[in-house]
C-alpha atoms as a PDB file:
ATOM      1  CA  MET A   1      -0.003  -0.005   0.004  1.00  0.00           C
ATOM      2  CA  GLU A   2       1.378   3.418  -1.013  1.00  0.00           C
ATOM      3  CA  ALA A   3       2.053   5.741   1.910  1.00  0.00           C
ATOM      4  CA  THR A   4      -0.109   8.829   2.321  1.00  0.00           C
ATOM      5  CA  LYS A   5       1.980  11.949   1.590  1.00  0.00           C
ATOM      6  CA  VAL A   6       1.731  14.472   4.428  1.00  0.00           C
ATOM      7  CA  ALA A   7       2.584  18.152   4.904  1.00  0.00           C
ATOM      8  CA  VAL A   8       3.156  19.607   8.383  1.00  0.00           C
ATOM      9  CA  ILE A   9       2.417  23.324   8.604  1.00  0.00           C
ATOM     10  CA  GLY A  10       4.099  24.860  11.571  1.00  0.00           C
ATOM     11  CA  CYS A  11       7.162  23.156  13.087  1.00  0.00           C
ATOM     12  CA  GLY A  12       6.918  24.325  16.698  1.00  0.00           C
ATOM     13  CA  THR A  13       6.294  22.513  19.975  1.00  0.00           C
ATOM     14  CA  ILE A  14       3.082  20.588  19.232  1.00  0.00           C
ATOM     15  CA  ALA A  15       4.337  19.515  15.808  1.00  0.00           C
ATOM     16  CA  ASN A  16       7.583  18.160  17.228  1.00  0.00           C
ATOM     17  CA  SER A  17       6.116  16.591  20.337  1.00  0.00           C
ATOM     18  CA  ALA A  18       3.046  15.002  18.788  1.00  0.00           C
ATOM     19  CA  HIS A  19       2.314  15.218  15.071  1.00  0.00           C
ATOM     20  CA  ILE A  20       5.674  14.618  13.440  1.00  0.00           C
ATOM     21  CA  PRO A  21       6.841  11.707  15.657  1.00  0.00           C
ATOM     22  CA  ASN A  22       3.536   9.896  15.176  1.00  0.00           C
ATOM     23  CA  TYR A  23       3.513  10.324  11.405  1.00  0.00           C
ATOM     24  CA  MET A  24       7.108   9.019  11.420  1.00  0.00           C
ATOM     25  CA  ALA A  25       6.050   5.986  13.451  1.00  0.00           C
ATOM     26  CA  LEU A  26       3.346   4.976  10.966  1.00  0.00           C
ATOM     27  CA  PRO A  27       4.444   3.128   7.831  1.00  0.00           C
ATOM     28  CA  GLU A  28       1.309   4.313   6.049  1.00  0.00           C
ATOM     29  CA  ALA A  29       2.505   7.916   6.264  1.00  0.00           C
ATOM     30  CA  GLN A  30       5.348   9.808   4.554  1.00  0.00           C
ATOM     31  CA  ILE A  31       6.090  13.447   5.411  1.00  0.00           C
ATOM     32  CA  LYS A  32       6.854  15.309   2.165  1.00  0.00           C
ATOM     33  CA  TYR A  33       6.972  18.884   3.477  1.00  0.00           C
ATOM     34  CA  PHE A  34       7.917  20.655   6.675  1.00  0.00           C
ATOM     35  CA  CYS A  35       6.604  24.237   6.517  1.00  0.00           C
ATOM     36  CA  ASP A  36       7.344  27.107   8.865  1.00  0.00           C
ATOM     37  CA  ILE A  37       7.628  30.869   8.379  1.00  0.00           C
ATOM     38  CA  ILE A  38      10.902  30.650  10.294  1.00  0.00           C
ATOM     39  CA  PRO A  39      13.196  28.923   7.754  1.00  0.00           C
ATOM     40  CA  GLU A  40      15.472  27.438  10.421  1.00  0.00           C
ATOM     41  CA  ARG A  41      12.620  25.568  12.046  1.00  0.00           C
ATOM     42  CA  ALA A  42      11.574  23.885   8.821  1.00  0.00           C
ATOM     43  CA  GLN A  43      15.167  23.016   7.883  1.00  0.00           C
ATOM     44  CA  THR A  44      15.859  21.696  11.364  1.00  0.00           C
ATOM     45  CA  ALA A  45      12.884  19.321  10.994  1.00  0.00           C
ATOM     46  CA  VAL A  46      14.189  18.007   7.688  1.00  0.00           C
ATOM     47  CA  GLU A  47      17.596  17.332   9.212  1.00  0.00           C
ATOM     48  CA  LYS A  48      16.213  15.898  12.457  1.00  0.00           C
ATOM     49  CA  TYR A  49      13.730  13.475  10.832  1.00  0.00           C
ATOM     50  CA  GLY A  50      15.755  12.730   7.700  1.00  0.00           C
ATOM     51  CA  CYS A  51      12.959  13.290   5.216  1.00  0.00           C
ATOM     52  CA  GLY A  52      10.893  15.888   3.443  1.00  0.00           C
ATOM     53  CA  THR A  53      11.520  19.316   1.981  1.00  0.00           C
ATOM     54  CA  ALA A  54      11.624  22.576   3.994  1.00  0.00           C
ATOM     55  CA  VAL A  55       9.365  25.397   2.778  1.00  0.00           C
ATOM     56  CA  THR A  56       8.375  28.726   4.309  1.00  0.00           C
ATOM     57  CA  ASP A  57       5.110  29.410   2.446  1.00  0.00           C
ATOM     58  CA  TYR A  58       2.336  26.836   2.751  1.00  0.00           C
ATOM     59  CA  ARG A  59       0.890  28.075  -0.585  1.00  0.00           C
ATOM     60  CA  ASP A  60       3.788  26.352  -2.337  1.00  0.00           C
ATOM     61  CA  ILE A  61       2.263  23.017  -1.258  1.00  0.00           C
ATOM     62  CA  LEU A  62      -1.368  23.624  -2.317  1.00  0.00           C
ATOM     63  CA  SER A  63      -0.892  22.508  -5.907  1.00  0.00           C
ATOM     64  CA  ASP A  64       1.115  19.357  -5.207  1.00  0.00           C
ATOM     65  CA  PRO A  65      -1.191  16.476  -6.130  1.00  0.00           C
ATOM     66  CA  GLU A  66       0.798  13.968  -4.112  1.00  0.00           C
ATOM     67  CA  VAL A  67      -0.027  15.594  -0.767  1.00  0.00           C
ATOM     68  CA  THR A  68      -3.408  14.416   0.500  1.00  0.00           C
ATOM     69  CA  ALA A  69      -3.063  14.946   4.275  1.00  0.00           C
ATOM     70  CA  VAL A  70      -2.083  18.114   6.152  1.00  0.00           C
ATOM     71  CA  SER A  71      -1.447  18.853   9.819  1.00  0.00           C
ATOM     72  CA  VAL A  72      -1.972  22.522  10.724  1.00  0.00           C
ATOM     73  CA  CYS A  73       0.135  23.262  13.835  1.00  0.00           C
ATOM     74  CA  THR A  74       0.384  27.045  13.634  1.00  0.00           C
ATOM     75  CA  PRO A  75      -0.734  29.772  16.060  1.00  0.00           C
ATOM     76  CA  ASN A  76      -4.530  30.007  16.276  1.00  0.00           C
ATOM     77  CA  LYS A  77      -4.717  33.108  14.079  1.00  0.00           C
ATOM     78  CA  MET A  78      -3.679  31.090  11.012  1.00  0.00           C
ATOM     79  CA  HIS A  79      -5.855  28.006  11.591  1.00  0.00           C
ATOM     80  CA  THR A  80      -8.793  29.344   9.571  1.00  0.00           C
ATOM     81  CA  PRO A  81      -7.093  30.666   6.403  1.00  0.00           C
ATOM     82  CA  ILE A  82      -4.621  27.809   6.125  1.00  0.00           C
ATOM     83  CA  THR A  83      -7.224  25.087   6.711  1.00  0.00           C
ATOM     84  CA  ILE A  84      -9.656  26.657   4.191  1.00  0.00           C
ATOM     85  CA  ASP A  85      -6.983  27.003   1.566  1.00  0.00           C
ATOM     86  CA  PHE A  86      -5.969  23.349   1.883  1.00  0.00           C
ATOM     87  CA  LEU A  87      -9.587  22.142   1.858  1.00  0.00           C
ATOM     88  CA  ASN A  88     -10.257  24.190  -1.270  1.00  0.00           C
ATOM     89  CA  ALA A  89      -7.189  22.639  -2.827  1.00  0.00           C
ATOM     90  CA  GLY A  90      -8.601  19.141  -2.230  1.00  0.00           C
ATOM     91  CA  LYS A  91      -6.493  18.213   0.801  1.00  0.00           C
ATOM     92  CA  ASN A  92      -7.605  16.516   4.021  1.00  0.00           C
ATOM     93  CA  VAL A  93      -6.770  18.469   7.173  1.00  0.00           C
ATOM     94  CA  LEU A  94      -6.072  17.742  10.830  1.00  0.00           C
ATOM     95  CA  CYS A  95      -6.036  21.208  12.500  1.00  0.00           C
ATOM     96  CA  GLU A  96      -4.733  21.561  16.024  1.00  0.00           C
ATOM     97  CA  LYS A  97      -7.068  22.789  18.751  1.00  0.00           C
ATOM     98  CA  PRO A  98      -8.804  25.121  19.093  1.00  0.00           C
ATOM     99  CA  ALA A  99     -10.509  25.000  15.725  1.00  0.00           C
ATOM    100  CA  ALA A 100     -10.249  28.786  15.503  1.00  0.00           C
ATOM    101  CA  ARG A 101     -10.059  31.988  17.504  1.00  0.00           C
ATOM    102  CA  THR A 102     -13.819  32.537  17.320  1.00  0.00           C
ATOM    103  CA  TYR A 103     -16.983  30.595  16.640  1.00  0.00           C
ATOM    104  CA  LYS A 104     -17.463  32.653  13.468  1.00  0.00           C
ATOM    105  CA  GLU A 105     -14.106  31.493  12.130  1.00  0.00           C
ATOM    106  CA  ALA A 106     -14.894  27.903  13.030  1.00  0.00           C
ATOM    107  CA  LEU A 107     -18.158  28.151  11.056  1.00  0.00           C
ATOM    108  CA  MET A 108     -16.143  29.344   8.017  1.00  0.00           C
ATOM    109  CA  MET A 109     -13.955  26.266   8.337  1.00  0.00           C
ATOM    110  CA  GLN A 110     -16.978  24.014   8.619  1.00  0.00           C
ATOM    111  CA  GLU A 111     -18.535  25.596   5.515  1.00  0.00           C
ATOM    112  CA  ALA A 112     -15.301  24.973   3.543  1.00  0.00           C
ATOM    113  CA  GLN A 113     -15.300  21.367   4.663  1.00  0.00           C
ATOM    114  CA  HIS A 114     -18.879  20.820   3.559  1.00  0.00           C
ATOM    115  CA  LYS A 115     -18.148  22.364   0.140  1.00  0.00           C
ATOM    116  CA  SER A 116     -14.971  20.397  -0.435  1.00  0.00           C
ATOM    117  CA  GLY A 117     -16.135  17.096   0.982  1.00  0.00           C
ATOM    118  CA  LYS A 118     -12.655  16.542   2.380  1.00  0.00           C
ATOM    119  CA  VAL A 119     -11.847  15.582   5.941  1.00  0.00           C
ATOM    120  CA  LEU A 120     -11.502  18.280   8.579  1.00  0.00           C
ATOM    121  CA  ASN A 121     -10.682  16.968  12.012  1.00  0.00           C
ATOM    122  CA  ILE A 122      -9.720  19.150  14.990  1.00  0.00           C
ATOM    123  CA  GLY A 123      -6.955  18.182  17.421  1.00  0.00           C
ATOM    124  CA  VAL A 124      -9.178  17.480  20.407  1.00  0.00           C
ATOM    125  CA  VAL A 125      -6.873  14.579  21.204  1.00  0.00           C
ATOM    126  CA  ASN A 126      -8.662  13.468  24.390  1.00  0.00           C
ATOM    127  CA  ARG A 127     -11.368  11.920  22.210  1.00  0.00           C
ATOM    128  CA  PHE A 128      -8.675   9.294  21.464  1.00  0.00           C
ATOM    129  CA  ASN A 129      -7.679   8.869  25.110  1.00  0.00           C
ATOM    130  CA  THR A 130      -8.308   5.487  26.736  1.00  0.00           C
ATOM    131  CA  ALA A 131      -9.551   6.790  30.089  1.00  0.00           C
ATOM    132  CA  VAL A 132     -11.946   9.226  28.413  1.00  0.00           C
ATOM    133  CA  ASN A 133     -13.401   6.505  26.207  1.00  0.00           C
ATOM    134  CA  GLU A 134     -13.808   4.194  29.172  1.00  0.00           C
ATOM    135  CA  ILE A 135     -15.780   6.893  30.974  1.00  0.00           C
ATOM    136  CA  LYS A 136     -17.922   7.407  27.875  1.00  0.00           C
ATOM    137  CA  LYS A 137     -18.689   3.668  27.792  1.00  0.00           C
ATOM    138  CA  LEU A 138     -19.817   3.772  31.465  1.00  0.00           C
ATOM    139  CA  ILE A 139     -22.043   6.781  30.871  1.00  0.00           C
ATOM    140  CA  ASP A 140     -23.520   5.411  27.645  1.00  0.00           C
ATOM    141  CA  GLY A 141     -24.124   2.069  29.347  1.00  0.00           C
ATOM    142  CA  GLY A 142     -26.174   3.734  32.143  1.00  0.00           C
ATOM    143  CA  GLU A 143     -23.696   2.881  34.907  1.00  0.00           C
ATOM    144  CA  LEU A 144     -23.867   6.463  36.288  1.00  0.00           C
ATOM    145  CA  GLY A 145     -27.614   6.771  35.862  1.00  0.00           C
ATOM    146  CA  GLU A 146     -28.599  10.267  34.834  1.00  0.00           C
ATOM    147  CA  VAL A 147     -25.515  12.519  34.564  1.00  0.00           C
ATOM    148  CA  TYR A 148     -27.070  15.743  35.739  1.00  0.00           C
ATOM    149  CA  HIS A 149     -24.067  17.950  36.399  1.00  0.00           C
ATOM    150  CA  VAL A 150     -20.365  18.092  35.472  1.00  0.00           C
ATOM    151  CA  TYR A 151     -17.836  20.193  37.318  1.00  0.00           C
ATOM    152  CA  VAL A 152     -14.549  21.159  35.625  1.00  0.00           C
ATOM    153  CA  SER A 153     -11.406  22.568  37.256  1.00  0.00           C
ATOM    154  CA  PHE A 154      -8.247  23.448  35.341  1.00  0.00           C
ATOM    155  CA  ARG A 155      -6.291  25.697  37.690  1.00  0.00           C
ATOM    156  CA  ALA A 156      -2.595  26.322  38.094  1.00  0.00           C
ATOM    157  CA  HIS A 157      -0.654  28.500  40.555  1.00  0.00           C
ATOM    158  CA  ARG A 158       1.359  30.781  38.217  1.00  0.00           C
ATOM    159  CA  SER A 159       1.760  29.156  34.823  1.00  0.00           C
ATOM    160  CA  ILE A 160       1.065  31.698  32.063  1.00  0.00           C
ATOM    161  CA  PRO A 161       2.622  30.327  28.871  1.00  0.00           C
ATOM    162  CA  GLY A 162       5.014  32.417  26.756  1.00  0.00           C
ATOM    163  CA  LEU A 163       4.196  35.674  28.604  1.00  0.00           C
ATOM    164  CA  GLY A 164       3.905  38.530  26.122  1.00  0.00           C
ATOM    165  CA  GLY A 165       4.064  36.246  23.082  1.00  0.00           C
ATOM    166  CA  ASP A 166       1.529  34.564  20.829  1.00  0.00           C
ATOM    167  CA  PHE A 167      -0.227  32.737  23.705  1.00  0.00           C
ATOM    168  CA  THR A 168      -1.111  35.956  25.507  1.00  0.00           C
ATOM    169  CA  THR A 169      -2.023  38.111  22.502  1.00  0.00           C
ATOM    170  CA  LYS A 170      -5.738  37.992  21.805  1.00  0.00           C
ATOM    171  CA  GLU A 171      -5.381  38.992  18.160  1.00  0.00           C
ATOM    172  CA  ILE A 172      -3.261  35.887  17.574  1.00  0.00           C
ATOM    173  CA  ALA A 173      -4.626  33.368  20.092  1.00  0.00           C
ATOM    174  CA  GLY A 174      -8.242  34.479  20.432  1.00  0.00           C
ATOM    175  CA  GLY A 175      -8.174  34.042  24.182  1.00  0.00           C
ATOM    176  CA  GLY A 176      -6.224  32.758  27.094  1.00  0.00           C
ATOM    177  CA  VAL A 177      -6.725  29.925  29.559  1.00  0.00           C
ATOM    178  CA  LEU A 178     -10.193  29.020  28.248  1.00  0.00           C
ATOM    179  CA  ILE A 179      -9.213  28.662  24.623  1.00  0.00           C
ATOM    180  CA  ASP A 180      -5.824  27.082  25.429  1.00  0.00           C
ATOM    181  CA  TRP A 181      -6.634  24.682  28.341  1.00  0.00           C
ATOM    182  CA  GLY A 182     -10.380  24.845  28.750  1.00  0.00           C
ATOM    183  CA  VAL A 183     -11.040  23.647  25.222  1.00  0.00           C
ATOM    184  CA  HIS A 184      -9.684  20.230  26.129  1.00  0.00           C
ATOM    185  CA  TYR A 185     -11.662  19.943  29.379  1.00  0.00           C
ATOM    186  CA  LEU A 186     -14.910  21.153  27.920  1.00  0.00           C
ATOM    187  CA  ASP A 187     -14.527  18.934  24.920  1.00  0.00           C
ATOM    188  CA  ILE A 188     -14.094  15.892  27.180  1.00  0.00           C
ATOM    189  CA  VAL A 189     -17.345  16.819  28.928  1.00  0.00           C
ATOM    190  CA  MET A 190     -19.185  17.214  25.657  1.00  0.00           C
ATOM    191  CA  TYR A 191     -17.836  13.995  24.215  1.00  0.00           C
ATOM    192  CA  CYS A 192     -18.565  11.848  27.245  1.00  0.00           C
ATOM    193  CA  THR A 193     -22.112  13.196  27.625  1.00  0.00           C
ATOM    194  CA  GLY A 194     -23.048  12.798  23.968  1.00  0.00           C
ATOM    195  CA  ASP A 195     -22.245  16.295  22.656  1.00  0.00           C
ATOM    196  CA  PRO A 196     -25.437  17.928  24.057  1.00  0.00           C
ATOM    197  CA  ALA A 197     -26.418  21.267  22.490  1.00  0.00           C
ATOM    198  CA  PRO A 198     -25.702  24.232  24.793  1.00  0.00           C
ATOM    199  CA  LEU A 199     -28.773  26.236  25.714  1.00  0.00           C
ATOM    200  CA  THR A 200     -27.519  29.123  27.840  1.00  0.00           C
ATOM    201  CA  VAL A 201     -24.074  30.250  28.935  1.00  0.00           C
ATOM    202  CA  SER A 202     -22.969  32.581  31.716  1.00  0.00           C
ATOM    203  CA  GLY A 203     -19.316  33.366  32.328  1.00  0.00           C
ATOM    204  CA  LYS A 204     -16.776  35.826  33.539  1.00  0.00           C
ATOM    205  CA  SER A 205     -13.156  36.005  32.479  1.00  0.00           C
ATOM    206  CA  PHE A 206     -10.350  37.970  34.167  1.00  0.00           C
ATOM    207  CA  CYS A 207      -7.073  39.338  32.830  1.00  0.00           C
ATOM    208  CA  ARG A 208      -5.236  40.135  36.036  1.00  0.00           C
ATOM    209  CA  LEU A 209      -2.042  38.476  37.216  1.00  0.00           C
ATOM    210  CA  GLY A 210       0.047  38.768  34.040  1.00  0.00           C
ATOM    211  CA  THR A 211      -0.659  42.416  33.268  1.00  0.00           C
ATOM    212  CA  ASP A 212       2.490  43.677  35.004  1.00  0.00           C
ATOM    213  CA  MET A 213       4.737  41.447  32.862  1.00  0.00           C
ATOM    214  CA  PRO A 214       8.180  42.640  34.116  1.00  0.00           C
ATOM    215  CA  ASN A 215       7.176  41.812  37.709  1.00  0.00           C
ATOM    216  CA  TYR A 216       5.280  38.596  37.100  1.00  0.00           C
ATOM    217  CA  VAL A 217       6.687  35.890  39.405  1.00  0.00           C
ATOM    218  CA  TYR A 218       6.477  32.247  38.402  1.00  0.00           C
ATOM    219  CA  LYS A 219       8.119  28.873  39.018  1.00  0.00           C
ATOM    220  CA  GLY A 220       7.976  27.550  35.494  1.00  0.00           C
ATOM    221  CA  MET A 221       6.549  28.647  32.160  1.00  0.00           C
ATOM    222  CA  TRP A 222       5.365  26.582  29.229  1.00  0.00           C
ATOM    223  CA  ALA A 223       6.832  27.876  25.930  1.00  0.00           C
ATOM    224  CA  GLU A 224       9.146  30.186  27.816  1.00  0.00           C
ATOM    225  CA  ASN A 225      11.258  30.549  24.649  1.00  0.00           C
ATOM    226  CA  THR A 226       8.391  32.583  23.190  1.00  0.00           C
ATOM    227  CA  LYS A 227       8.289  35.024  26.172  1.00  0.00           C
ATOM    228  CA  ASN A 228       8.402  38.719  25.231  1.00  0.00           C
ATOM    229  CA  LEU A 229       8.137  41.134  28.132  1.00  0.00           C
ATOM    230  CA  ASN A 230       7.748  44.002  25.644  1.00  0.00           C
ATOM    231  CA  GLY A 231       4.861  42.175  23.992  1.00  0.00           C
ATOM    232  CA  THR A 232       1.150  41.969  24.699  1.00  0.00           C
ATOM    233  CA  TYR A 233      -0.908  40.529  27.547  1.00  0.00           C
ATOM    234  CA  ASP A 234      -4.639  40.978  26.917  1.00  0.00           C
ATOM    235  CA  VAL A 235      -6.183  37.512  27.404  1.00  0.00           C
ATOM    236  CA  ASP A 236      -7.951  35.707  30.240  1.00  0.00           C
ATOM    237  CA  ASP A 237      -5.799  34.140  32.955  1.00  0.00           C
ATOM    238  CA  PHE A 238      -8.947  33.112  34.927  1.00  0.00           C
ATOM    239  CA  ILE A 239     -12.376  32.000  33.762  1.00  0.00           C
ATOM    240  CA  THR A 240     -15.485  30.921  35.612  1.00  0.00           C
ATOM    241  CA  GLY A 241     -18.798  29.860  34.107  1.00  0.00           C
ATOM    242  CA  PHE A 242     -22.066  28.021  34.154  1.00  0.00           C
ATOM    243  CA  VAL A 243     -23.632  26.266  31.140  1.00  0.00           C
ATOM    244  CA  ARG A 244     -27.064  24.734  30.627  1.00  0.00           C
ATOM    245  CA  THR A 245     -27.224  22.074  27.916  1.00  0.00           C
ATOM    246  CA  LYS A 246     -29.861  19.618  26.637  1.00  0.00           C
ATOM    247  CA  GLY A 247     -27.980  17.172  28.822  1.00  0.00           C
ATOM    248  CA  PRO A 248     -26.188  18.031  32.087  1.00  0.00           C
ATOM    249  CA  THR A 249     -25.385  21.422  33.447  1.00  0.00           C
ATOM    250  CA  ILE A 250     -21.705  22.324  33.538  1.00  0.00           C
ATOM    251  CA  SER A 251     -19.786  24.579  35.889  1.00  0.00           C
ATOM    252  CA  LEU A 252     -16.109  25.477  35.524  1.00  0.00           C
ATOM    253  CA  ASN A 253     -13.174  27.314  37.008  1.00  0.00           C
ATOM    254  CA  GLY A 254      -9.955  27.675  35.069  1.00  0.00           C
ATOM    255  CA  ALA A 255      -6.712  29.537  35.773  1.00  0.00           C
ATOM    256  CA  TRP A 256      -3.360  29.907  34.028  1.00  0.00           C
ATOM    257  CA  ALA A 257      -2.442  31.840  37.155  1.00  0.00           C
ATOM    258  CA  GLN A 258      -3.917  32.202  40.607  1.00  0.00           C
ATOM    259  CA  ASN A 259      -2.622  33.167  44.018  1.00  0.00           C
ATOM    260  CA  ILE A 260      -3.396  29.700  45.383  1.00  0.00           C
ATOM    261  CA  GLY A 261      -0.424  27.384  45.399  1.00  0.00           C
ATOM    262  CA  ILE A 262      -2.403  24.232  44.739  1.00  0.00           C
ATOM    263  CA  GLY A 263      -3.225  23.187  41.173  1.00  0.00           C
ATOM    264  CA  GLU A 264      -6.378  21.344  40.167  1.00  0.00           C
ATOM    265  CA  SER A 265      -6.814  19.362  36.970  1.00  0.00           C
ATOM    266  CA  PHE A 266      -9.923  17.182  37.083  1.00  0.00           C
ATOM    267  CA  ILE A 267     -13.466  16.665  35.848  1.00  0.00           C
ATOM    268  CA  ASP A 268     -16.286  15.415  38.073  1.00  0.00           C
ATOM    269  CA  PHE A 269     -19.241  13.651  36.427  1.00  0.00           C
ATOM    270  CA  LEU A 270     -22.160  13.540  38.879  1.00  0.00           C
ATOM    271  CA  GLY A 271     -24.758  10.928  38.251  1.00  0.00           C
ATOM    272  CA  THR A 272     -27.796   9.570  40.086  1.00  0.00           C
ATOM    273  CA  LYS A 273     -26.272   6.093  40.419  1.00  0.00           C
ATOM    274  CA  ALA A 274     -22.589   6.870  40.557  1.00  0.00           C
ATOM    275  CA  GLY A 275     -20.032   9.577  39.982  1.00  0.00           C
ATOM    276  CA  ILE A 276     -16.596   9.748  38.392  1.00  0.00           C
ATOM    277  CA  ARG A 277     -13.597  11.952  38.998  1.00  0.00           C
ATOM    278  CA  LEU A 278     -11.169  11.988  36.039  1.00  0.00           C
ATOM    279  CA  GLN A 279      -7.670  13.295  36.709  1.00  0.00           C
ATOM    280  CA  TYR A 280      -6.812  15.066  33.447  1.00  0.00           C
ATOM    281  CA  GLY A 281      -4.217  13.094  31.525  1.00  0.00           C
ATOM    282  CA  GLY A 282      -4.487  10.207  34.023  1.00  0.00           C
ATOM    283  CA  ARG A 283      -6.923   7.677  35.371  1.00  0.00           C
ATOM    284  CA  PHE A 284     -10.334   7.951  36.980  1.00  0.00           C
ATOM    285  CA  THR A 285     -12.163   6.803  40.106  1.00  0.00           C
ATOM    286  CA  VAL A 286     -15.762   5.645  40.265  1.00  0.00           C
ATOM    287  CA  TYR A 287     -17.881   6.371  43.398  1.00  0.00           C
ATOM    288  CA  GLY A 288     -21.186   4.679  44.109  1.00  0.00           C
ATOM    289  CA  THR A 289     -23.083   2.256  46.305  1.00  0.00           C
ATOM    290  CA  LYS A 290     -23.587  -1.482  46.337  1.00  0.00           C
ATOM    291  CA  ASN A 291     -25.553  -3.683  48.737  1.00  0.00           C
ATOM    292  CA  GLY A 292     -26.163  -0.762  51.023  1.00  0.00           C
ATOM    293  CA  GLU A 293     -22.495   0.243  51.181  1.00  0.00           C
ATOM    294  CA  LEU A 294     -20.429   3.048  49.733  1.00  0.00           C
ATOM    295  CA  ILE A 295     -17.932   1.847  47.176  1.00  0.00           C
ATOM    296  CA  GLU A 296     -15.126   3.351  45.075  1.00  0.00           C
ATOM    297  CA  TYR A 297     -12.808   1.783  42.588  1.00  0.00           C
ATOM    298  CA  GLN A 298     -10.302   2.638  39.883  1.00  0.00           C
ATOM    299  CA  PRO A 299     -10.724   0.537  36.736  1.00  0.00           C
ATOM    300  CA  GLU A 300      -7.661  -1.104  35.229  1.00  0.00           C
ATOM    301  CA  TYR A 301      -7.036  -0.820  31.514  1.00  0.00           C
ATOM    302  CA  GLU A 302      -4.119  -0.497  29.194  1.00  0.00           C
ATOM    303  CA  MET A 303      -3.564   3.126  28.209  1.00  0.00           C
ATOM    304  CA  CYS A 304      -2.916   3.833  24.528  1.00  0.00           C
ATOM    305  CA  ASP A 305      -0.888   6.766  23.147  1.00  0.00           C
ATOM    306  CA  MET A 306      -3.707   9.185  22.297  1.00  0.00           C
ATOM    307  CA  PHE A 307      -1.690  11.207  19.816  1.00  0.00           C
ATOM    308  CA  ASN A 308      -0.686   8.063  17.947  1.00  0.00           C
ATOM    309  CA  ASN A 309      -4.324   6.995  17.957  1.00  0.00           C
ATOM    310  CA  GLU A 310      -5.391  10.380  16.692  1.00  0.00           C
ATOM    311  CA  ILE A 311      -2.926  10.502  13.813  1.00  0.00           C
ATOM    312  CA  ALA A 312      -3.552   6.881  12.802  1.00  0.00           C
ATOM    313  CA  SER A 313      -7.338   7.497  12.872  1.00  0.00           C
ATOM    314  CA  PHE A 314      -6.914  10.605  10.702  1.00  0.00           C
ATOM    315  CA  LEU A 315      -5.007   8.677   8.068  1.00  0.00           C
ATOM    316  CA  ARG A 316      -7.515   5.809   8.228  1.00  0.00           C
ATOM    317  CA  CYS A 317     -10.629   7.983   7.841  1.00  0.00           C
ATOM    318  CA  ILE A 318      -9.199   9.596   4.689  1.00  0.00           C
ATOM    319  CA  LYS A 319      -9.257   6.196   3.043  1.00  0.00           C
ATOM    320  CA  THR A 320     -12.481   4.787   4.584  1.00  0.00           C
ATOM    321  CA  GLY A 321     -14.714   7.869   4.725  1.00  0.00           C
ATOM    322  CA  GLU A 322     -15.354   7.254   8.380  1.00  0.00           C
ATOM    323  CA  LYS A 323     -16.473  10.356  10.345  1.00  0.00           C
ATOM    324  CA  LEU A 324     -14.391  10.595  13.484  1.00  0.00           C
ATOM    325  CA  PRO A 325     -15.566  12.050  16.823  1.00  0.00           C
ATOM    326  CA  SER A 326     -13.096  14.895  16.218  1.00  0.00           C
ATOM    327  CA  HIS A 327     -14.791  16.003  12.996  1.00  0.00           C
ATOM    328  CA  ILE A 328     -15.536  19.735  12.677  1.00  0.00           C
ATOM    329  CA  ASP A 329     -19.306  19.042  12.673  1.00  0.00           C
ATOM    330  CA  THR A 330     -19.021  17.761  16.259  1.00  0.00           C
ATOM    331  CA  VAL A 331     -16.198  19.851  17.659  1.00  0.00           C
ATOM    332  CA  ILE A 332     -17.845  23.087  16.566  1.00  0.00           C
ATOM    333  CA  ILE A 333     -20.234  22.702  19.490  1.00  0.00           C
ATOM    334  CA  THR A 334     -17.323  23.310  21.888  1.00  0.00           C
ATOM    335  CA  ALA A 335     -16.321  26.362  19.858  1.00  0.00           C
ATOM    336  CA  LYS A 336     -19.870  27.695  20.277  1.00  0.00           C
ATOM    337  CA  LEU A 337     -19.772  27.043  24.006  1.00  0.00           C
ATOM    338  CA  MET A 338     -16.434  28.872  24.441  1.00  0.00           C
ATOM    339  CA  GLN A 339     -17.689  31.826  22.389  1.00  0.00           C
ATOM    340  CA  GLY A 340     -20.741  32.004  24.634  1.00  0.00           C
ATOM    341  CA  LEU A 341     -18.526  32.215  27.732  1.00  0.00           C
ATOM    342  CA  TYR A 342     -16.464  35.038  26.250  1.00  0.00           C
ATOM    343  CA  ASP A 343     -19.545  36.865  24.974  1.00  0.00           C
ATOM    344  CA  SER A 344     -21.238  36.568  28.361  1.00  0.00           C
ATOM    345  CA  SER A 345     -18.160  37.958  30.068  1.00  0.00           C
ATOM    346  CA  ASP A 346     -18.000  40.918  27.698  1.00  0.00           C
ATOM    347  CA  SER A 347     -21.736  41.687  27.935  1.00  0.00           C
ATOM    348  CA  GLY A 348     -22.129  41.013  31.625  1.00  0.00           C
ATOM    349  CA  SER A 349     -25.226  38.877  30.930  1.00  0.00           C
ATOM    350  CA  GLU A 350     -26.272  35.334  30.175  1.00  0.00           C
ATOM    351  CA  ILE A 351     -26.113  34.288  26.546  1.00  0.00           C
ATOM    352  CA  ILE A 352     -28.826  32.235  24.864  1.00  0.00           C
ATOM    353  CA  CYS A 353     -27.203  29.854  22.429  1.00  0.00           C
END
């Protein structure tokens, strides 16, 4: 079987930690292009992985008939135009999360996918996580009874990524902790509970602890190499919200930075028969009753590599026509939910979806 020819657009952290290594590990994939606006990044990838051609303009790839699969691993600002251009060129796309900076941009991507008929999956990689799928099986099988509420907490002490750079510039990223971290947590909730349509959204975001960039104190910083203390900080470092859906209600608290030195990274599914706490990126515990006694247990299962599963599933669905759980038609619900939280914060009122 001939290998699928792949182009990777953006050769930064997520490309090198997830996309590229997993394409390289799959015999059914062959990376033909590494593209980055910083020439050294693209050339470094060619030399490191021993394959492909380095390019700086993704448009140079659009007309290559051999390339049928593309990973978009750029800053959020470029997700929409790059994805749409590749879809219009007849390519299948896996675009990193979030789908876009705004719900409006995500709708533009969805429209382009519908017109082209090509695959557009979004990098909500937890839909390929073993623990998450085990929870979904329990919920779908009725083991929790009615799941009536889900609580989400994604809070860190002082962990603003790349202070002053792309991550903290709204014009580039679209938002802060909600769009960067919260997208994963909320997408897990939506996936496990059957992607219920949001009805109303109320939220409040805060841009507080990173505003005095020269004096921001921290222990460690993700993407510190992109820090720019002369740059911009105009995104949310704390978000709180409440969502009504056609399924459960959802409440959330998220922080890139807070003056509490204890981090929280979990999701609680509250059901009438049992409840589950999922430690993000780890395992989960089930709480319930049996024979008049309180019980709790942690299921045992073999954890797969979710990024490998995601990439392999993307390549497979191109050939089979299978519609994955990460398809834009499904993931766009999370984009709508996040937009509602931001709009509610800006307006100071509840948003009807």
